[in-house]
Amino acid sequence: MAQVVQKLRPYVLGWKAYFGMAQTPRVWRELDEWLRHRLRAIQLKHWKRPRAIYRELKALGAKENVARQVAVNSRRWWRNSERLLKTVLTIAYFDGLGVPRLS
């Protein structure tokens, strides 16, 4: 995930600098939410298998039932990344990785 963030960071900062004068906070907020949603899906794809997903989520401090539900539906990356995974991979988690905020 650190590699993905490292490659993504210059693009996001460039978008923010170029379109920073635009007075569209809702668009920035929606784009920010979509970006984190996509990063959560990428993280699930990296973990691949249900056992790995369960183990990694527990290591990140997920509750037992959340980790189990996400692991059982391991091939539904996009759907899982919006609902339950949002409680584990929070905005603070991505801030710690260095993902810049757009809004």
Protein backbone atom coordinates (compact mmCIF):
# COMPACT_ATOMS: atom_id res chain seq x y z
CA MET A 1 0.00 0.00 0.00
CA ALA A 2 2.90 2.34 0.69
CA GLN A 3 4.03 2.02 -2.94
CA VAL A 4 0.55 2.83 -4.23
CA VAL A 5 0.35 5.90 -2.01
CA GLN A 6 3.84 7.01 -3.02
CA LYS A 7 2.93 6.87 -6.72
CA LEU A 8 -0.49 8.45 -6.19
CA ARG A 9 0.64 11.35 -4.00
CA PRO A 10 2.15 13.59 -6.75
CA TYR A 11 -0.99 13.27 -8.87
CA VAL A 12 -3.34 14.14 -6.04
CA LEU A 13 -1.24 17.10 -4.98
CA GLY A 14 -1.10 18.26 -8.61
CA TRP A 15 -4.88 18.07 -8.98
CA LYS A 16 -5.30 19.95 -5.74
CA ALA A 17 -2.90 22.68 -6.82
CA TYR A 18 -4.35 23.04 -10.32
CA PHE A 19 -8.03 22.98 -9.38
CA GLY A 20 -7.59 24.57 -5.95
CA MET A 21 -9.29 27.81 -6.95
CA ALA A 22 -12.51 26.04 -7.87
CA GLN A 23 -15.36 26.72 -5.49
CA THR A 24 -16.80 23.23 -5.47
CA PRO A 25 -16.31 21.73 -2.00
CA ARG A 26 -18.88 18.98 -2.60
CA VAL A 27 -17.01 17.74 -5.67
CA TRP A 28 -13.73 17.67 -3.72
CA ARG A 29 -15.38 15.81 -0.85
CA GLU A 30 -16.91 13.21 -3.19
CA LEU A 31 -13.61 12.72 -5.01
CA ASP A 32 -11.84 12.33 -1.67
CA GLU A 33 -14.36 9.69 -0.57
CA TRP A 34 -14.05 7.84 -3.88
CA LEU A 35 -10.24 7.86 -3.65
CA ARG A 36 -10.26 6.27 -0.19
CA HIS A 37 -12.91 3.79 -1.33
CA ARG A 38 -10.65 2.76 -4.21
CA LEU A 39 -7.62 2.45 -1.91
CA ARG A 40 -9.59 0.17 0.41
CA ALA A 41 -10.52 -2.05 -2.55
CA ILE A 42 -6.87 -2.16 -3.64
CA GLN A 43 -5.85 -3.18 -0.13
CA LEU A 44 -8.34 -6.06 -0.17
CA LYS A 45 -7.01 -7.17 -3.55
CA HIS A 46 -3.47 -7.17 -2.15
CA TRP A 47 -4.45 -9.42 0.73
CA LYS A 48 -6.16 -11.83 -1.75
CA ARG A 49 -7.21 -14.77 0.42
CA PRO A 50 -9.84 -14.86 3.17
CA ARG A 51 -7.36 -16.04 5.82
CA ALA A 52 -4.98 -13.19 5.02
CA ILE A 53 -7.83 -10.67 5.04
CA TYR A 54 -9.03 -11.92 8.41
CA ARG A 55 -5.53 -11.92 9.89
CA GLU A 56 -4.66 -8.43 8.64
CA LEU A 57 -7.95 -6.91 9.76
CA LYS A 58 -7.57 -8.39 13.23
CA ALA A 59 -4.03 -6.97 13.36
CA LEU A 60 -5.45 -3.54 12.48
CA GLY A 61 -7.89 -3.78 15.37
CA ALA A 62 -11.09 -4.86 13.64
CA LYS A 63 -13.85 -6.49 15.63
CA GLU A 64 -14.27 -10.24 15.28
CA ASN A 65 -17.54 -10.09 13.36
CA VAL A 66 -16.33 -7.34 10.97
CA ALA A 67 -13.14 -9.24 10.11
CA ARG A 68 -15.10 -12.44 9.57
CA GLN A 69 -17.76 -10.84 7.35
CA VAL A 70 -15.20 -9.12 5.15
CA ALA A 71 -13.12 -12.30 4.86
CA VAL A 72 -16.14 -14.43 3.94
CA ASN A 73 -17.02 -12.03 1.11
CA SER A 74 -13.40 -11.73 0.04
CA ARG A 75 -14.11 -11.44 -3.69
CA ARG A 76 -16.50 -8.52 -3.33
CA TRP A 77 -13.77 -5.91 -3.07
CA TRP A 78 -15.74 -2.86 -4.10
CA ARG A 79 -18.76 -3.63 -1.93
CA ASN A 80 -16.69 -4.54 1.15
CA SER A 81 -14.51 -1.47 0.79
CA GLU A 82 -17.50 0.83 1.14
CA ARG A 83 -19.31 -0.74 4.08
CA LEU A 84 -17.56 -2.67 6.82
CA LEU A 85 -13.98 -1.94 5.85
CA LYS A 86 -14.64 1.76 6.35
CA THR A 87 -14.67 1.17 10.11
CA VAL A 88 -11.17 -0.34 10.07
CA LEU A 89 -9.34 1.51 7.30
CA THR A 90 -10.41 4.97 8.38
CA ILE A 91 -9.37 8.40 7.17
CA ALA A 92 -6.82 8.49 10.00
CA TYR A 93 -5.28 5.27 8.65
CA PHE A 94 -4.80 6.85 5.23
CA ASP A 95 -3.49 10.06 6.78
CA GLY A 96 -0.86 7.94 8.50
CA LEU A 97 0.13 6.47 5.13
CA GLY A 98 0.51 9.97 3.69
CA VAL A 99 -2.51 10.19 1.41
CA PRO A 100 -3.26 13.91 0.98
CA ARG A 101 -6.77 15.15 1.61
CA LEU A 102 -8.56 16.97 -1.18
CA SER A 103 -11.29 18.54 0.91
